Amino acid sequence: EVTGQLRAPFIVQGGQVFINYAMIDTAFIQNLVLGMTLRSSAVNAKGQPLLEINIPAGMLTLRSAGAGGSSTLNNDGLVVTDEGDVVRTQVGKLTL
């Protein structure tokens, strides 16, 4: 978008580099610290990401590409749900 305003592609502040937007084809990162939720751009029929990793909660969710169910794993256990979000298998003490 052309707005006539000058935008810096990156800023170095306090020994850190801040990049507003980046597209990286391949990256080799030796040490990565995450504090957010990672979501796939691909979504299922309900509009939910096929893969979701909630780093702060320690939870991984895999969803069917169609209207099928999902599998969620966290540090308390594993739960598998069907397309109607009915729990079909639960192992451990899992709270979503």
PDB file of N, CA and C in Angstrom:
ATOM      1  N   GLU A   1       0.847  -1.183   0.000  1.00  0.00           N
ATOM      2  CA  GLU A   1       0.000   0.000   0.000  1.00  0.00           C
ATOM      3  C   GLU A   1       0.883   1.233   0.000  1.00  0.00           C
ATOM      4  N   VAL A   2       0.622   2.159  -0.847  1.00  0.00           N
ATOM      5  CA  VAL A   2       1.384   3.398  -0.921  1.00  0.00           C
ATOM      6  C   VAL A   2       0.605   4.483  -0.191  1.00  0.00           C
ATOM      7  N   THR A   3       1.205   4.993   0.885  1.00  0.00           N
ATOM      8  CA  THR A   3       0.527   6.017   1.683  1.00  0.00           C
ATOM      9  C   THR A   3       1.275   7.339   1.684  1.00  0.00           C
ATOM     10  N   GLY A   4       2.514   7.327   1.148  1.00  0.00           N
ATOM     11  CA  GLY A   4       3.311   8.548   1.175  1.00  0.00           C
ATOM     12  C   GLY A   4       4.076   8.707   2.474  1.00  0.00           C
ATOM     13  N   GLN A   5       3.855   7.812   3.429  1.00  0.00           N
ATOM     14  CA  GLN A   5       4.560   7.864   4.697  1.00  0.00           C
ATOM     15  C   GLN A   5       5.766   6.933   4.658  1.00  0.00           C
ATOM     16  N   LEU A   6       6.868   7.389   5.233  1.00  0.00           N
ATOM     17  CA  LEU A   6       8.082   6.599   5.286  1.00  0.00           C
ATOM     18  C   LEU A   6       7.985   5.590   6.424  1.00  0.00           C
ATOM     19  N   ARG A   7       8.269   4.302   6.118  1.00  0.00           N
ATOM     20  CA  ARG A   7       8.240   3.244   7.136  1.00  0.00           C
ATOM     21  C   ARG A   7       9.576   2.530   7.124  1.00  0.00           C
ATOM     22  N   ALA A   8      10.148   2.380   8.290  1.00  0.00           N
ATOM     23  CA  ALA A   8      11.412   1.660   8.405  1.00  0.00           C
ATOM     24  C   ALA A   8      11.136   0.164   8.308  1.00  0.00           C
ATOM     25  N   PRO A   9      11.923  -0.587   7.502  1.00  0.00           N
ATOM     26  CA  PRO A   9      11.692  -2.022   7.391  1.00  0.00           C
ATOM     27  C   PRO A   9      12.022  -2.764   8.686  1.00  0.00           C
ATOM     28  N   PHE A  10      12.941  -2.206   9.465  1.00  0.00           N
ATOM     29  CA  PHE A  10      13.266  -2.775  10.767  1.00  0.00           C
ATOM     30  C   PHE A  10      13.842  -1.683  11.655  1.00  0.00           C
ATOM     31  N   ILE A  11      13.825  -1.938  12.950  1.00  0.00           N
ATOM     32  CA  ILE A  11      14.336  -0.988  13.939  1.00  0.00           C
ATOM     33  C   ILE A  11      15.260  -1.737  14.882  1.00  0.00           C
ATOM     34  N   VAL A  12      16.395  -1.151  15.200  1.00  0.00           N
ATOM     35  CA  VAL A  12      17.295  -1.696  16.207  1.00  0.00           C
ATOM     36  C   VAL A  12      17.161  -0.811  17.439  1.00  0.00           C
ATOM     37  N   GLN A  13      16.777  -1.449  18.550  1.00  0.00           N
ATOM     38  CA  GLN A  13      16.547  -0.687  19.772  1.00  0.00           C
ATOM     39  C   GLN A  13      17.005  -1.520  20.961  1.00  0.00           C
ATOM     40  N   GLY A  14      17.880  -0.982  21.767  1.00  0.00           N
ATOM     41  CA  GLY A  14      18.339  -1.679  22.965  1.00  0.00           C
ATOM     42  C   GLY A  14      18.995  -3.022  22.669  1.00  0.00           C
ATOM     43  N   GLY A  15      19.703  -3.123  21.551  1.00  0.00           N
ATOM     44  CA  GLY A  15      20.367  -4.368  21.199  1.00  0.00           C
ATOM     45  C   GLY A  15      19.444  -5.414  20.596  1.00  0.00           C
ATOM     46  N   GLN A  16      18.190  -5.065  20.339  1.00  0.00           N
ATOM     47  CA  GLN A  16      17.231  -5.981  19.725  1.00  0.00           C
ATOM     48  C   GLN A  16      16.809  -5.449  18.365  1.00  0.00           C
ATOM     49  N   VAL A  17      16.501  -6.374  17.448  1.00  0.00           N
ATOM     50  CA  VAL A  17      16.026  -6.000  16.117  1.00  0.00           C
ATOM     51  C   VAL A  17      14.534  -6.302  16.053  1.00  0.00           C
ATOM     52  N   PHE A  18      13.737  -5.327  15.670  1.00  0.00           N
ATOM     53  CA  PHE A  18      12.291  -5.468  15.527  1.00  0.00           C
ATOM     54  C   PHE A  18      11.955  -5.379  14.039  1.00  0.00           C
ATOM     55  N   ILE A  19      11.284  -6.425  13.521  1.00  0.00           N
ATOM     56  CA  ILE A  19      10.882  -6.468  12.125  1.00  0.00           C
ATOM     57  C   ILE A  19       9.360  -6.501  12.086  1.00  0.00           C
ATOM     58  N   ASN A  20       8.759  -5.567  11.370  1.00  0.00           N
ATOM     59  CA  ASN A  20       7.304  -5.471  11.325  1.00  0.00           C
ATOM     60  C   ASN A  20       6.680  -6.636  10.576  1.00  0.00           C
ATOM     61  N   TYR A  21       7.264  -7.053   9.450  1.00  0.00           N
ATOM     62  CA  TYR A  21       6.695  -8.119   8.641  1.00  0.00           C
ATOM     63  C   TYR A  21       7.838  -8.799   7.901  1.00  0.00           C
ATOM     64  N   ALA A  22       7.858 -10.126   7.929  1.00  0.00           N
ATOM     65  CA  ALA A  22       8.937 -10.846   7.250  1.00  0.00           C
ATOM     66  C   ALA A  22       8.401 -12.124   6.625  1.00  0.00           C
ATOM     67  N   MET A  23       8.887 -12.447   5.456  1.00  0.00           N
ATOM     68  CA  MET A  23       8.620 -13.729   4.816  1.00  0.00           C
ATOM     69  C   MET A  23       9.968 -14.407   4.664  1.00  0.00           C
ATOM     70  N   ILE A  24      10.142 -15.531   5.350  1.00  0.00           N
ATOM     71  CA  ILE A  24      11.415 -16.230   5.367  1.00  0.00           C
ATOM     72  C   ILE A  24      11.196 -17.616   4.779  1.00  0.00           C
ATOM     73  N   ASP A  25      11.970 -17.961   3.771  1.00  0.00           N
ATOM     74  CA  ASP A  25      11.834 -19.261   3.133  1.00  0.00           C
ATOM     75  C   ASP A  25      12.399 -20.366   4.016  1.00  0.00           C
ATOM     76  N   THR A  26      13.611 -20.209   4.482  1.00  0.00           N
ATOM     77  CA  THR A  26      14.257 -21.207   5.323  1.00  0.00           C
ATOM     78  C   THR A  26      14.994 -20.491   6.443  1.00  0.00           C
ATOM     79  N   ALA A  27      14.836 -21.002   7.660  1.00  0.00           N
ATOM     80  CA  ALA A  27      15.539 -20.403   8.794  1.00  0.00           C
ATOM     81  C   ALA A  27      16.096 -21.501   9.681  1.00  0.00           C
ATOM     82  N   PHE A  28      17.333 -21.348  10.069  1.00  0.00           N
ATOM     83  CA  PHE A  28      17.961 -22.238  11.036  1.00  0.00           C
ATOM     84  C   PHE A  28      18.174 -21.417  12.291  1.00  0.00           C
ATOM     85  N   ILE A  29      17.402 -21.735  13.331  1.00  0.00           N
ATOM     86  CA  ILE A  29      17.443 -20.962  14.566  1.00  0.00           C
ATOM     87  C   ILE A  29      17.956 -21.879  15.667  1.00  0.00           C
ATOM     88  N   GLN A  30      19.040 -21.485  16.296  1.00  0.00           N
ATOM     89  CA  GLN A  30      19.655 -22.336  17.309  1.00  0.00           C
ATOM     90  C   GLN A  30      18.877 -22.315  18.620  1.00  0.00           C
ATOM     91  N   ASN A  31      18.350 -21.185  19.005  1.00  0.00           N
ATOM     92  CA  ASN A  31      17.623 -21.071  20.265  1.00  0.00           C
ATOM     93  C   ASN A  31      16.391 -20.193  20.034  1.00  0.00           C
ATOM     94  N   LEU A  32      15.200 -20.776  20.196  1.00  0.00           N
ATOM     95  CA  LEU A  32      13.961 -20.050  19.951  1.00  0.00           C
ATOM     96  C   LEU A  32      13.107 -20.105  21.212  1.00  0.00           C
ATOM     97  N   VAL A  33      12.699 -18.963  21.700  1.00  0.00           N
ATOM     98  CA  VAL A  33      11.843 -18.890  22.886  1.00  0.00           C
ATOM     99  C   VAL A  33      10.500 -18.324  22.440  1.00  0.00           C
ATOM    100  N   LEU A  34       9.436 -19.110  22.668  1.00  0.00           N
ATOM    101  CA  LEU A  34       8.099 -18.700  22.235  1.00  0.00           C
ATOM    102  C   LEU A  34       7.208 -18.454  23.442  1.00  0.00           C
ATOM    103  N   GLY A  35       6.367 -17.464  23.351  1.00  0.00           N
ATOM    104  CA  GLY A  35       5.433 -17.167  24.424  1.00  0.00           C
ATOM    105  C   GLY A  35       4.053 -16.856  23.885  1.00  0.00           C
ATOM    106  N   MET A  36       3.694 -17.518  22.781  1.00  0.00           N
ATOM    107  CA  MET A  36       2.417 -17.232  22.153  1.00  0.00           C
ATOM    108  C   MET A  36       1.796 -18.510  21.619  1.00  0.00           C
ATOM    109  N   THR A  37       0.684 -18.388  20.929  1.00  0.00           N
ATOM    110  CA  THR A  37       0.040 -19.531  20.295  1.00  0.00           C
ATOM    111  C   THR A  37       0.386 -19.533  18.817  1.00  0.00           C
ATOM    112  N   LEU A  38       0.847 -20.676  18.325  1.00  0.00           N
ATOM    113  CA  LEU A  38       1.136 -20.844  16.903  1.00  0.00           C
ATOM    114  C   LEU A  38      -0.052 -21.546  16.258  1.00  0.00           C
ATOM    115  N   ARG A  39      -0.499 -21.048  15.113  1.00  0.00           N
ATOM    116  CA  ARG A  39      -1.647 -21.630  14.416  1.00  0.00           C
ATOM    117  C   ARG A  39      -1.312 -21.809  12.943  1.00  0.00           C
ATOM    118  N   SER A  40      -1.785 -22.906  12.361  1.00  0.00           N
ATOM    119  CA  SER A  40      -1.610 -23.114  10.920  1.00  0.00           C
ATOM    120  C   SER A  40      -2.526 -22.164  10.161  1.00  0.00           C
ATOM    121  N   SER A  41      -2.118 -21.816   8.960  1.00  0.00           N
ATOM    122  CA  SER A  41      -2.983 -20.974   8.128  1.00  0.00           C
ATOM    123  C   SER A  41      -4.125 -21.798   7.538  1.00  0.00           C
ATOM    124  N   ALA A  42      -3.930 -23.109   7.415  1.00  0.00           N
ATOM    125  CA  ALA A  42      -4.996 -23.994   6.923  1.00  0.00           C
ATOM    126  C   ALA A  42      -6.033 -24.192   8.029  1.00  0.00           C
ATOM    127  N   VAL A  43      -7.304 -24.121   7.671  1.00  0.00           N
ATOM    128  CA  VAL A  43      -8.381 -24.265   8.651  1.00  0.00           C
ATOM    129  C   VAL A  43      -9.315 -25.402   8.246  1.00  0.00           C
ATOM    130  N   ASN A  44     -10.099 -25.877   9.208  1.00  0.00           N
ATOM    131  CA  ASN A  44     -11.071 -26.929   8.925  1.00  0.00           C
ATOM    132  C   ASN A  44     -12.403 -26.313   8.489  1.00  0.00           C
ATOM    133  N   ALA A  45     -13.419 -27.132   8.332  1.00  0.00           N
ATOM    134  CA  ALA A  45     -14.733 -26.657   7.878  1.00  0.00           C
ATOM    135  C   ALA A  45     -15.384 -25.708   8.881  1.00  0.00           C
ATOM    136  N   LYS A  46     -14.927 -25.734  10.145  1.00  0.00           N
ATOM    137  CA  LYS A  46     -15.470 -24.847  11.180  1.00  0.00           C
ATOM    138  C   LYS A  46     -14.661 -23.560  11.303  1.00  0.00           C
ATOM    139  N   GLY A  47     -13.629 -23.403  10.450  1.00  0.00           N
ATOM    140  CA  GLY A  47     -12.804 -22.203  10.477  1.00  0.00           C
ATOM    141  C   GLY A  47     -11.704 -22.248  11.529  1.00  0.00           C
ATOM    142  N   GLN A  48     -11.475 -23.401  12.143  1.00  0.00           N
ATOM    143  CA  GLN A  48     -10.443 -23.542  13.171  1.00  0.00           C
ATOM    144  C   GLN A  48      -9.145 -24.018  12.531  1.00  0.00           C
ATOM    145  N   PRO A  49      -7.993 -23.579  13.045  1.00  0.00           N
ATOM    146  CA  PRO A  49      -6.724 -24.019  12.472  1.00  0.00           C
ATOM    147  C   PRO A  49      -6.542 -25.534  12.609  1.00  0.00           C
ATOM    148  N   LEU A  50      -5.943 -26.159  11.587  1.00  0.00           N
ATOM    149  CA  LEU A  50      -5.715 -27.602  11.635  1.00  0.00           C
ATOM    150  C   LEU A  50      -4.684 -27.954  12.702  1.00  0.00           C
ATOM    151  N   LEU A  51      -3.737 -27.077  12.944  1.00  0.00           N
ATOM    152  CA  LEU A  51      -2.722 -27.278  13.970  1.00  0.00           C
ATOM    153  C   LEU A  51      -2.662 -26.037  14.837  1.00  0.00           C
ATOM    154  N   GLU A  52      -2.714 -26.237  16.140  1.00  0.00           N
ATOM    155  CA  GLU A  52      -2.644 -25.120  17.073  1.00  0.00           C
ATOM    156  C   GLU A  52      -1.766 -25.543  18.246  1.00  0.00           C
ATOM    157  N   ILE A  53      -0.737 -24.760  18.503  1.00  0.00           N
ATOM    158  CA  ILE A  53       0.165 -25.034  19.621  1.00  0.00           C
ATOM    159  C   ILE A  53       0.114 -23.840  20.559  1.00  0.00           C
ATOM    160  N   ASN A  54      -0.525 -24.035  21.706  1.00  0.00           N
ATOM    161  CA  ASN A  54      -0.640 -22.982  22.714  1.00  0.00           C
ATOM    162  C   ASN A  54       0.548 -23.136  23.660  1.00  0.00           C
ATOM    163  N   ILE A  55       1.596 -22.373  23.418  1.00  0.00           N
ATOM    164  CA  ILE A  55       2.838 -22.493  24.174  1.00  0.00           C
ATOM    165  C   ILE A  55       2.634 -22.191  25.660  1.00  0.00           C
ATOM    166  N   PRO A  56       1.992 -21.070  26.041  1.00  0.00           N
ATOM    167  CA  PRO A  56       1.833 -20.789  27.476  1.00  0.00           C
ATOM    168  C   PRO A  56       1.046 -21.868  28.222  1.00  0.00           C
ATOM    169  N   ALA A  57       0.056 -22.486  27.562  1.00  0.00           N
ATOM    170  CA  ALA A  57      -0.761 -23.515  28.217  1.00  0.00           C
ATOM    171  C   ALA A  57      -0.153 -24.911  28.063  1.00  0.00           C
ATOM    172  N   GLY A  58       0.867 -25.057  27.215  1.00  0.00           N
ATOM    173  CA  GLY A  58       1.461 -26.365  26.975  1.00  0.00           C
ATOM    174  C   GLY A  58       0.485 -27.320  26.316  1.00  0.00           C
ATOM    175  N   MET A  59      -0.246 -26.841  25.306  1.00  0.00           N
ATOM    176  CA  MET A  59      -1.308 -27.631  24.687  1.00  0.00           C
ATOM    177  C   MET A  59      -1.134 -27.680  23.172  1.00  0.00           C
ATOM    178  N   LEU A  60      -1.305 -28.881  22.608  1.00  0.00           N
ATOM    179  CA  LEU A  60      -1.226 -29.126  21.174  1.00  0.00           C
ATOM    180  C   LEU A  60      -2.568 -29.664  20.703  1.00  0.00           C
ATOM    181  N   THR A  61      -3.137 -29.056  19.664  1.00  0.00           N
ATOM    182  CA  THR A  61      -4.406 -29.516  19.104  1.00  0.00           C
ATOM    183  C   THR A  61      -4.243 -29.769  17.615  1.00  0.00           C
ATOM    184  N   LEU A  62      -4.656 -30.960  17.190  1.00  0.00           N
ATOM    185  CA  LEU A  62      -4.694 -31.333  15.774  1.00  0.00           C
ATOM    186  C   LEU A  62      -6.152 -31.531  15.398  1.00  0.00           C
ATOM    187  N   ARG A  63      -6.576 -30.914  14.295  1.00  0.00           N
ATOM    188  CA  ARG A  63      -7.966 -31.012  13.874  1.00  0.00           C
ATOM    189  C   ARG A  63      -8.071 -31.645  12.491  1.00  0.00           C
ATOM    190  N   SER A  64      -9.188 -32.316  12.255  1.00  0.00           N
ATOM    191  CA  SER A  64      -9.480 -32.888  10.954  1.00  0.00           C
ATOM    192  C   SER A  64      -9.667 -31.761   9.942  1.00  0.00           C
ATOM    193  N   ALA A  65      -9.250 -31.998   8.704  1.00  0.00           N
ATOM    194  CA  ALA A  65      -9.389 -30.965   7.673  1.00  0.00           C
ATOM    195  C   ALA A  65     -10.846 -30.702   7.321  1.00  0.00           C
ATOM    196  N   GLY A  66     -11.703 -31.702   7.454  1.00  0.00           N
ATOM    197  CA  GLY A  66     -13.125 -31.515   7.156  1.00  0.00           C
ATOM    198  C   GLY A  66     -13.880 -31.102   8.396  1.00  0.00           C
ATOM    199  N   ALA A  67     -15.049 -31.680   8.572  1.00  0.00           N
ATOM    200  CA  ALA A  67     -15.872 -31.373   9.741  1.00  0.00           C
ATOM    201  C   ALA A  67     -15.647 -32.408  10.834  1.00  0.00           C
ATOM    202  N   GLY A  68     -14.571 -33.210  10.694  1.00  0.00           N
ATOM    203  CA  GLY A  68     -14.282 -34.266  11.657  1.00  0.00           C
ATOM    204  C   GLY A  68     -13.847 -33.734  13.002  1.00  0.00           C
ATOM    205  N   GLY A  69     -13.325 -34.618  13.813  1.00  0.00           N
ATOM    206  CA  GLY A  69     -12.977 -34.278  15.185  1.00  0.00           C
ATOM    207  C   GLY A  69     -11.597 -33.699  15.344  1.00  0.00           C
ATOM    208  N   SER A  70     -11.118 -33.773  16.596  1.00  0.00           N
ATOM    209  CA  SER A  70      -9.811 -33.228  16.919  1.00  0.00           C
ATOM    210  C   SER A  70      -9.160 -34.052  18.018  1.00  0.00           C
ATOM    211  N   SER A  71      -7.859 -33.874  18.156  1.00  0.00           N
ATOM    212  CA  SER A  71      -7.092 -34.490  19.232  1.00  0.00           C
ATOM    213  C   SER A  71      -6.350 -33.384  19.950  1.00  0.00           C
ATOM    214  N   THR A  72      -6.458 -33.352  21.270  1.00  0.00           N
ATOM    215  CA  THR A  72      -5.785 -32.339  22.062  1.00  0.00           C
ATOM    216  C   THR A  72      -4.915 -33.018  23.104  1.00  0.00           C
ATOM    217  N   LEU A  73      -3.672 -32.587  23.186  1.00  0.00           N
ATOM    218  CA  LEU A  73      -2.710 -33.132  24.130  1.00  0.00           C
ATOM    219  C   LEU A  73      -2.154 -31.990  24.961  1.00  0.00           C
ATOM    220  N   ASN A  74      -2.175 -32.157  26.279  1.00  0.00           N
ATOM    221  CA  ASN A  74      -1.491 -31.188  27.135  1.00  0.00           C
ATOM    222  C   ASN A  74      -0.759 -31.953  28.231  1.00  0.00           C
ATOM    223  N   ASN A  75      -0.216 -31.248  29.210  1.00  0.00           N
ATOM    224  CA  ASN A  75       0.572 -31.915  30.238  1.00  0.00           C
ATOM    225  C   ASN A  75      -0.269 -32.708  31.233  1.00  0.00           C
ATOM    226  N   ASP A  76      -1.575 -32.704  31.100  1.00  0.00           N
ATOM    227  CA  ASP A  76      -2.455 -33.505  31.955  1.00  0.00           C
ATOM    228  C   ASP A  76      -3.000 -34.742  31.245  1.00  0.00           C
ATOM    229  N   GLY A  77      -2.990 -34.767  29.906  1.00  0.00           N
ATOM    230  CA  GLY A  77      -3.534 -35.928  29.215  1.00  0.00           C
ATOM    231  C   GLY A  77      -3.851 -35.677  27.763  1.00  0.00           C
ATOM    232  N   LEU A  78      -4.691 -36.552  27.223  1.00  0.00           N
ATOM    233  CA  LEU A  78      -5.067 -36.545  25.809  1.00  0.00           C
ATOM    234  C   LEU A  78      -6.579 -36.711  25.703  1.00  0.00           C
ATOM    235  N   VAL A  79      -7.200 -35.951  24.812  1.00  0.00           N
ATOM    236  CA  VAL A  79      -8.633 -36.103  24.555  1.00  0.00           C
ATOM    237  C   VAL A  79      -8.860 -36.099  23.050  1.00  0.00           C
ATOM    238  N   VAL A  80      -9.729 -36.997  22.583  1.00  0.00           N
ATOM    239  CA  VAL A  80     -10.101 -37.089  21.169  1.00  0.00           C
ATOM    240  C   VAL A  80     -11.602 -36.845  21.093  1.00  0.00           C
ATOM    241  N   THR A  81     -12.004 -35.904  20.217  1.00  0.00           N
ATOM    242  CA  THR A  81     -13.424 -35.587  20.052  1.00  0.00           C
ATOM    243  C   THR A  81     -13.848 -35.903  18.628  1.00  0.00           C
ATOM    244  N   ASP A  82     -15.170 -36.131  18.464  1.00  0.00           N
ATOM    245  CA  ASP A  82     -15.697 -36.381  17.120  1.00  0.00           C
ATOM    246  C   ASP A  82     -16.141 -35.072  16.491  1.00  0.00           C
ATOM    247  N   GLU A  83     -16.788 -35.154  15.325  1.00  0.00           N
ATOM    248  CA  GLU A  83     -17.197 -33.947  14.604  1.00  0.00           C
ATOM    249  C   GLU A  83     -18.198 -33.089  15.359  1.00  0.00           C
ATOM    250  N   GLY A  84     -18.918 -33.666  16.321  1.00  0.00           N
ATOM    251  CA  GLY A  84     -19.856 -32.899  17.133  1.00  0.00           C
ATOM    252  C   GLY A  84     -19.254 -32.429  18.444  1.00  0.00           C
ATOM    253  N   ASP A  85     -17.932 -32.475  18.567  1.00  0.00           N
ATOM    254  CA  ASP A  85     -17.186 -32.098  19.773  1.00  0.00           C
ATOM    255  C   ASP A  85     -17.534 -32.966  20.980  1.00  0.00           C
ATOM    256  N   VAL A  86     -18.006 -34.194  20.732  1.00  0.00           N
ATOM    257  CA  VAL A  86     -18.282 -35.154  21.799  1.00  0.00           C
ATOM    258  C   VAL A  86     -16.991 -35.904  22.092  1.00  0.00           C
ATOM    259  N   VAL A  87     -16.610 -35.961  23.369  1.00  0.00           N
ATOM    260  CA  VAL A  87     -15.384 -36.655  23.760  1.00  0.00           C
ATOM    261  C   VAL A  87     -15.558 -38.148  23.522  1.00  0.00           C
ATOM    262  N   ARG A  88     -14.643 -38.728  22.735  1.00  0.00           N
ATOM    263  CA  ARG A  88     -14.688 -40.152  22.421  1.00  0.00           C
ATOM    264  C   ARG A  88     -13.615 -40.932  23.160  1.00  0.00           C
ATOM    265  N   THR A  89     -12.490 -40.276  23.441  1.00  0.00           N
ATOM    266  CA  THR A  89     -11.403 -40.907  24.202  1.00  0.00           C
ATOM    267  C   THR A  89     -10.774 -39.852  25.091  1.00  0.00           C
ATOM    268  N   GLN A  90     -10.543 -40.216  26.339  1.00  0.00           N
ATOM    269  CA  GLN A  90      -9.867 -39.293  27.259  1.00  0.00           C
ATOM    270  C   GLN A  90      -8.912 -40.104  28.120  1.00  0.00           C
ATOM    271  N   VAL A  91      -7.662 -39.678  28.133  1.00  0.00           N
ATOM    272  CA  VAL A  91      -6.635 -40.333  28.916  1.00  0.00           C
ATOM    273  C   VAL A  91      -6.016 -39.286  29.822  1.00  0.00           C
ATOM    274  N   GLY A  92      -6.030 -39.521  31.126  1.00  0.00           N
ATOM    275  CA  GLY A  92      -5.479 -38.549  32.065  1.00  0.00           C
ATOM    276  C   GLY A  92      -6.525 -37.562  32.524  1.00  0.00           C
ATOM    277  N   LYS A  93      -6.081 -36.582  33.257  1.00  0.00           N
ATOM    278  CA  LYS A  93      -6.956 -35.527  33.793  1.00  0.00           C
ATOM    279  C   LYS A  93      -6.818 -34.306  32.903  1.00  0.00           C
ATOM    280  N   LEU A  94      -7.651 -34.225  31.891  1.00  0.00           N
ATOM    281  CA  LEU A  94      -7.532 -33.162  30.903  1.00  0.00           C
ATOM    282  C   LEU A  94      -8.620 -32.129  31.102  1.00  0.00           C
ATOM    283  N   THR A  95      -8.217 -30.872  31.175  1.00  0.00           N
ATOM    284  CA  THR A  95      -9.168 -29.773  31.225  1.00  0.00           C
ATOM    285  C   THR A  95      -8.856 -28.845  30.062  1.00  0.00           C
ATOM    286  N   LEU A  96      -9.851 -28.537  29.269  1.00  0.00           N
ATOM    287  CA  LEU A  96      -9.643 -27.675  28.108  1.00  0.00           C
ATOM    288  C   LEU A  96     -10.019 -26.251  28.430  1.00  0.00           C
TER     289      LEU A  96
END
